[in-house]
Amino acid sequence: MYREDGHDAAEEAKMHRSGQPAVHQSRANPGESRFLVHYAKLLVRCGVAPKDMTVITPYNRQVETLRMTFGEDAECARVGLDRPRVNTVDSFQGQEADCVL
């Protein structure tokens, strides 16, 4: 609830025991990551070169999750997708790629 004096009860409820405000964590979706890896492998089978592929996501945690999922997949290693370019939207800005997921 917001009050005129600037006191925010909802924010106060989020305070840690240390008295510091709660830190907003980055987000990740492991299911989406697995789906994207599967889709990337299908694209490689259809002729898209792994070097031409880039994955972008708005969240840093999802970047980590995607890199881990690509790295752990044995088929990705065989087709050259074990270390694809995975960036946040902000870090990809100004770059180009033939295939963007």
N, C-alpha and C. Protein backbone atom coordinates (compact mmCIF):
# COMPACT_ATOMS: atom_id res chain seq x y z
N MET A 1 0.85 -1.17 0.00
CA MET A 1 0.00 0.00 0.00
C MET A 1 0.90 1.24 0.00
N TYR A 2 0.56 2.21 -0.84
CA TYR A 2 1.32 3.44 -0.91
C TYR A 2 0.66 4.48 -0.03
N ARG A 3 1.48 5.25 0.69
CA ARG A 3 0.95 6.34 1.52
C ARG A 3 1.57 7.64 1.07
N GLU A 4 0.90 8.74 1.35
CA GLU A 4 1.37 10.08 0.96
C GLU A 4 2.75 10.40 1.52
N ASP A 5 3.08 9.87 2.68
CA ASP A 5 4.37 10.18 3.27
C ASP A 5 5.52 9.38 2.66
N GLY A 6 5.22 8.58 1.64
CA GLY A 6 6.25 7.81 0.97
C GLY A 6 6.50 6.45 1.58
N HIS A 7 5.89 6.14 2.69
CA HIS A 7 6.06 4.85 3.35
C HIS A 7 5.36 3.79 2.51
N ASP A 8 6.01 2.73 2.25
CA ASP A 8 5.45 1.65 1.44
C ASP A 8 5.48 0.36 2.25
N ALA A 9 4.33 -0.06 2.72
CA ALA A 9 4.24 -1.25 3.57
C ALA A 9 4.66 -2.50 2.82
N ALA A 10 4.37 -2.57 1.53
CA ALA A 10 4.74 -3.75 0.75
C ALA A 10 6.26 -3.86 0.66
N GLU A 11 6.93 -2.76 0.43
CA GLU A 11 8.40 -2.78 0.36
C GLU A 11 9.00 -3.11 1.72
N GLU A 12 8.41 -2.58 2.76
CA GLU A 12 8.91 -2.87 4.10
C GLU A 12 8.80 -4.35 4.41
N ALA A 13 7.75 -5.00 3.90
CA ALA A 13 7.56 -6.43 4.12
C ALA A 13 8.62 -7.25 3.41
N LYS A 14 9.22 -6.70 2.37
CA LYS A 14 10.25 -7.40 1.61
C LYS A 14 11.65 -7.26 2.21
N MET A 15 11.78 -6.52 3.27
CA MET A 15 13.09 -6.29 3.85
C MET A 15 13.69 -7.59 4.38
N HIS A 16 14.97 -7.74 4.17
CA HIS A 16 15.69 -8.90 4.72
C HIS A 16 15.90 -8.69 6.22
N ARG A 17 16.33 -9.73 6.87
CA ARG A 17 16.63 -9.63 8.30
C ARG A 17 17.70 -8.58 8.57
N SER A 18 18.56 -8.36 7.59
CA SER A 18 19.64 -7.40 7.77
C SER A 18 19.15 -5.96 7.70
N GLY A 19 17.90 -5.79 7.32
CA GLY A 19 17.34 -4.45 7.21
C GLY A 19 17.52 -3.85 5.83
N GLN A 20 18.14 -4.61 4.91
CA GLN A 20 18.33 -4.13 3.54
C GLN A 20 17.13 -4.55 2.68
N PRO A 21 16.79 -3.74 1.68
CA PRO A 21 15.69 -4.12 0.79
C PRO A 21 16.02 -5.41 0.05
N ALA A 22 14.99 -6.16 -0.28
CA ALA A 22 15.17 -7.40 -1.03
C ALA A 22 15.74 -7.08 -2.40
N VAL A 23 16.66 -7.91 -2.85
CA VAL A 23 17.28 -7.73 -4.16
C VAL A 23 16.40 -8.45 -5.18
N HIS A 24 16.10 -7.78 -6.26
CA HIS A 24 15.30 -8.40 -7.31
C HIS A 24 16.20 -9.32 -8.12
N GLN A 25 15.86 -10.58 -8.15
CA GLN A 25 16.66 -11.58 -8.84
C GLN A 25 16.34 -11.59 -10.33
N SER A 26 17.33 -11.95 -11.14
CA SER A 26 17.10 -12.16 -12.56
C SER A 26 16.26 -13.42 -12.72
N ARG A 27 15.64 -13.57 -13.85
CA ARG A 27 14.72 -14.69 -14.06
C ARG A 27 15.29 -15.71 -15.04
N ALA A 28 14.85 -16.96 -14.87
CA ALA A 28 15.23 -18.03 -15.78
C ALA A 28 14.06 -18.99 -15.93
N ASN A 29 13.99 -19.63 -17.08
CA ASN A 29 12.95 -20.61 -17.36
C ASN A 29 13.61 -21.83 -17.99
N PRO A 30 13.90 -22.86 -17.18
CA PRO A 30 14.59 -24.05 -17.70
C PRO A 30 13.81 -24.77 -18.80
N GLY A 31 12.49 -24.79 -18.71
CA GLY A 31 11.68 -25.43 -19.75
C GLY A 31 11.82 -24.72 -21.09
N GLU A 32 11.79 -23.42 -21.06
CA GLU A 32 11.99 -22.64 -22.28
C GLU A 32 13.40 -22.86 -22.83
N SER A 33 14.36 -22.99 -21.95
CA SER A 33 15.73 -23.22 -22.36
C SER A 33 15.85 -24.56 -23.09
N ARG A 34 15.25 -25.61 -22.53
CA ARG A 34 15.29 -26.93 -23.18
C ARG A 34 14.60 -26.89 -24.54
N PHE A 35 13.47 -26.19 -24.62
CA PHE A 35 12.74 -26.07 -25.90
C PHE A 35 13.62 -25.37 -26.94
N LEU A 36 14.27 -24.29 -26.53
CA LEU A 36 15.09 -23.51 -27.45
C LEU A 36 16.28 -24.33 -27.96
N VAL A 37 16.88 -25.12 -27.09
CA VAL A 37 18.00 -25.98 -27.51
C VAL A 37 17.50 -27.00 -28.54
N HIS A 38 16.35 -27.58 -28.29
CA HIS A 38 15.75 -28.53 -29.23
C HIS A 38 15.50 -27.85 -30.59
N TYR A 39 14.94 -26.66 -30.56
CA TYR A 39 14.65 -25.91 -31.78
C TYR A 39 15.94 -25.56 -32.53
N ALA A 40 16.97 -25.17 -31.81
CA ALA A 40 18.26 -24.84 -32.43
C ALA A 40 18.84 -26.07 -33.13
N LYS A 41 18.72 -27.23 -32.51
CA LYS A 41 19.21 -28.46 -33.14
C LYS A 41 18.43 -28.76 -34.43
N LEU A 42 17.13 -28.51 -34.42
CA LEU A 42 16.32 -28.70 -35.63
C LEU A 42 16.78 -27.75 -36.74
N LEU A 43 17.08 -26.52 -36.38
CA LEU A 43 17.56 -25.56 -37.38
C LEU A 43 18.89 -25.99 -37.98
N VAL A 44 19.78 -26.54 -37.16
CA VAL A 44 21.06 -27.02 -37.66
C VAL A 44 20.83 -28.18 -38.63
N ARG A 45 19.91 -29.08 -38.28
CA ARG A 45 19.59 -30.20 -39.18
C ARG A 45 19.02 -29.71 -40.51
N CYS A 46 18.36 -28.55 -40.49
CA CYS A 46 17.78 -27.97 -41.71
C CYS A 46 18.78 -27.13 -42.50
N GLY A 47 20.01 -27.04 -42.01
CA GLY A 47 21.04 -26.36 -42.77
C GLY A 47 21.56 -25.04 -42.22
N VAL A 48 21.03 -24.57 -41.11
CA VAL A 48 21.54 -23.34 -40.51
C VAL A 48 22.86 -23.65 -39.82
N ALA A 49 23.88 -22.89 -40.15
CA ALA A 49 25.20 -23.11 -39.54
C ALA A 49 25.19 -22.60 -38.10
N PRO A 50 25.74 -23.37 -37.16
CA PRO A 50 25.76 -22.92 -35.76
C PRO A 50 26.42 -21.55 -35.58
N LYS A 51 27.43 -21.22 -36.40
CA LYS A 51 28.11 -19.93 -36.26
C LYS A 51 27.20 -18.76 -36.67
N ASP A 52 26.13 -19.05 -37.43
CA ASP A 52 25.20 -18.01 -37.87
C ASP A 52 24.04 -17.81 -36.90
N MET A 53 24.03 -18.56 -35.81
CA MET A 53 22.92 -18.56 -34.87
C MET A 53 23.27 -17.76 -33.62
N THR A 54 22.32 -16.96 -33.16
CA THR A 54 22.48 -16.21 -31.91
C THR A 54 21.19 -16.35 -31.11
N VAL A 55 21.33 -16.48 -29.81
CA VAL A 55 20.18 -16.55 -28.92
C VAL A 55 20.19 -15.30 -28.05
N ILE A 56 19.06 -14.60 -27.99
CA ILE A 56 18.97 -13.43 -27.12
C ILE A 56 17.81 -13.60 -26.15
N THR A 57 17.99 -13.06 -24.97
CA THR A 57 17.00 -13.12 -23.90
C THR A 57 17.12 -11.85 -23.06
N PRO A 58 16.03 -11.42 -22.43
CA PRO A 58 16.12 -10.20 -21.62
C PRO A 58 16.79 -10.39 -20.26
N TYR A 59 17.00 -11.64 -19.82
CA TYR A 59 17.46 -11.87 -18.45
C TYR A 59 18.84 -12.52 -18.38
N ASN A 60 19.69 -12.01 -17.49
CA ASN A 60 21.03 -12.57 -17.29
C ASN A 60 20.97 -14.02 -16.82
N ARG A 61 20.05 -14.32 -15.92
CA ARG A 61 19.94 -15.70 -15.41
C ARG A 61 19.56 -16.66 -16.53
N GLN A 62 18.72 -16.21 -17.47
CA GLN A 62 18.35 -17.07 -18.59
C GLN A 62 19.55 -17.28 -19.52
N VAL A 63 20.41 -16.29 -19.66
CA VAL A 63 21.64 -16.46 -20.44
C VAL A 63 22.46 -17.60 -19.83
N GLU A 64 22.63 -17.59 -18.52
CA GLU A 64 23.39 -18.64 -17.83
C GLU A 64 22.73 -20.00 -18.03
N THR A 65 21.41 -20.05 -17.89
CA THR A 65 20.66 -21.30 -18.04
C THR A 65 20.80 -21.84 -19.46
N LEU A 66 20.67 -20.96 -20.45
CA LEU A 66 20.81 -21.40 -21.84
C LEU A 66 22.21 -21.92 -22.13
N ARG A 67 23.22 -21.22 -21.70
CA ARG A 67 24.60 -21.67 -21.93
C ARG A 67 24.84 -23.04 -21.29
N MET A 68 24.32 -23.23 -20.09
CA MET A 68 24.47 -24.50 -19.40
C MET A 68 23.72 -25.61 -20.15
N THR A 69 22.50 -25.32 -20.60
CA THR A 69 21.70 -26.33 -21.30
C THR A 69 22.35 -26.72 -22.62
N PHE A 70 22.83 -25.74 -23.39
CA PHE A 70 23.54 -26.06 -24.63
C PHE A 70 24.79 -26.87 -24.33
N GLY A 71 25.54 -26.50 -23.31
CA GLY A 71 26.79 -27.17 -22.98
C GLY A 71 26.62 -28.59 -22.49
N GLU A 72 25.50 -28.90 -21.86
CA GLU A 72 25.26 -30.23 -21.31
C GLU A 72 24.65 -31.20 -22.32
N ASP A 73 24.18 -30.71 -23.45
CA ASP A 73 23.51 -31.55 -24.44
C ASP A 73 24.54 -32.21 -25.35
N ALA A 74 24.58 -33.54 -25.36
CA ALA A 74 25.57 -34.28 -26.14
C ALA A 74 25.40 -34.04 -27.64
N GLU A 75 24.18 -33.97 -28.11
CA GLU A 75 23.95 -33.75 -29.54
C GLU A 75 24.44 -32.36 -29.96
N CYS A 76 24.27 -31.37 -29.08
CA CYS A 76 24.77 -30.02 -29.38
C CYS A 76 26.28 -30.05 -29.60
N ALA A 77 26.97 -30.82 -28.80
CA ALA A 77 28.43 -30.93 -28.93
C ALA A 77 28.80 -31.54 -30.28
N ARG A 78 28.04 -32.53 -30.72
CA ARG A 78 28.33 -33.20 -32.00
C ARG A 78 28.11 -32.28 -33.20
N VAL A 79 27.10 -31.38 -33.12
CA VAL A 79 26.77 -30.53 -34.27
C VAL A 79 27.38 -29.13 -34.17
N GLY A 80 28.16 -28.87 -33.12
CA GLY A 80 28.82 -27.58 -32.99
C GLY A 80 28.01 -26.51 -32.29
N LEU A 81 27.00 -26.92 -31.55
CA LEU A 81 26.14 -25.97 -30.83
C LEU A 81 26.43 -25.94 -29.34
N ASP A 82 27.55 -26.48 -28.91
CA ASP A 82 27.81 -26.54 -27.47
C ASP A 82 28.14 -25.17 -26.88
N ARG A 83 28.57 -24.21 -27.72
CA ARG A 83 28.88 -22.86 -27.24
C ARG A 83 28.35 -21.80 -28.22
N PRO A 84 27.03 -21.76 -28.42
CA PRO A 84 26.50 -20.74 -29.34
C PRO A 84 26.57 -19.35 -28.70
N ARG A 85 26.40 -18.32 -29.52
CA ARG A 85 26.35 -16.96 -28.97
C ARG A 85 25.02 -16.81 -28.24
N VAL A 86 25.09 -16.54 -26.95
CA VAL A 86 23.90 -16.30 -26.13
C VAL A 86 24.13 -14.97 -25.41
N ASN A 87 23.24 -14.01 -25.63
CA ASN A 87 23.41 -12.68 -25.06
C ASN A 87 22.09 -12.16 -24.52
N THR A 88 22.21 -11.14 -23.68
CA THR A 88 21.01 -10.40 -23.31
C THR A 88 20.68 -9.46 -24.46
N VAL A 89 19.47 -8.96 -24.47
CA VAL A 89 19.04 -8.03 -25.51
C VAL A 89 19.98 -6.83 -25.54
N ASP A 90 20.30 -6.30 -24.37
CA ASP A 90 21.16 -5.12 -24.30
C ASP A 90 22.55 -5.37 -24.85
N SER A 91 23.14 -6.52 -24.54
CA SER A 91 24.50 -6.79 -25.00
C SER A 91 24.54 -7.14 -26.48
N PHE A 92 23.43 -7.55 -27.06
CA PHE A 92 23.38 -7.89 -28.49
C PHE A 92 23.16 -6.66 -29.35
N GLN A 93 22.70 -5.59 -28.76
CA GLN A 93 22.37 -4.38 -29.51
C GLN A 93 23.54 -3.94 -30.40
N GLY A 94 23.25 -3.67 -31.67
CA GLY A 94 24.26 -3.23 -32.62
C GLY A 94 24.92 -4.37 -33.37
N GLN A 95 24.65 -5.61 -33.00
CA GLN A 95 25.24 -6.77 -33.68
C GLN A 95 24.24 -7.32 -34.70
N GLU A 96 24.72 -8.23 -35.54
CA GLU A 96 23.87 -8.86 -36.53
C GLU A 96 24.07 -10.36 -36.48
N ALA A 97 23.02 -11.07 -36.88
CA ALA A 97 23.09 -12.53 -36.99
C ALA A 97 22.08 -12.97 -38.03
N ASP A 98 22.40 -14.05 -38.75
CA ASP A 98 21.48 -14.56 -39.76
C ASP A 98 20.27 -15.24 -39.13
N CYS A 99 20.48 -15.86 -37.99
CA CYS A 99 19.40 -16.59 -37.30
C CYS A 99 19.39 -16.16 -35.83
N VAL A 100 18.31 -15.53 -35.41
CA VAL A 100 18.21 -15.06 -34.03
C VAL A 100 17.03 -15.78 -33.36
N LEU A 101 17.32 -16.42 -32.25
CA LEU A 101 16.29 -17.10 -31.47
C LEU A 101 16.06 -16.32 -30.19
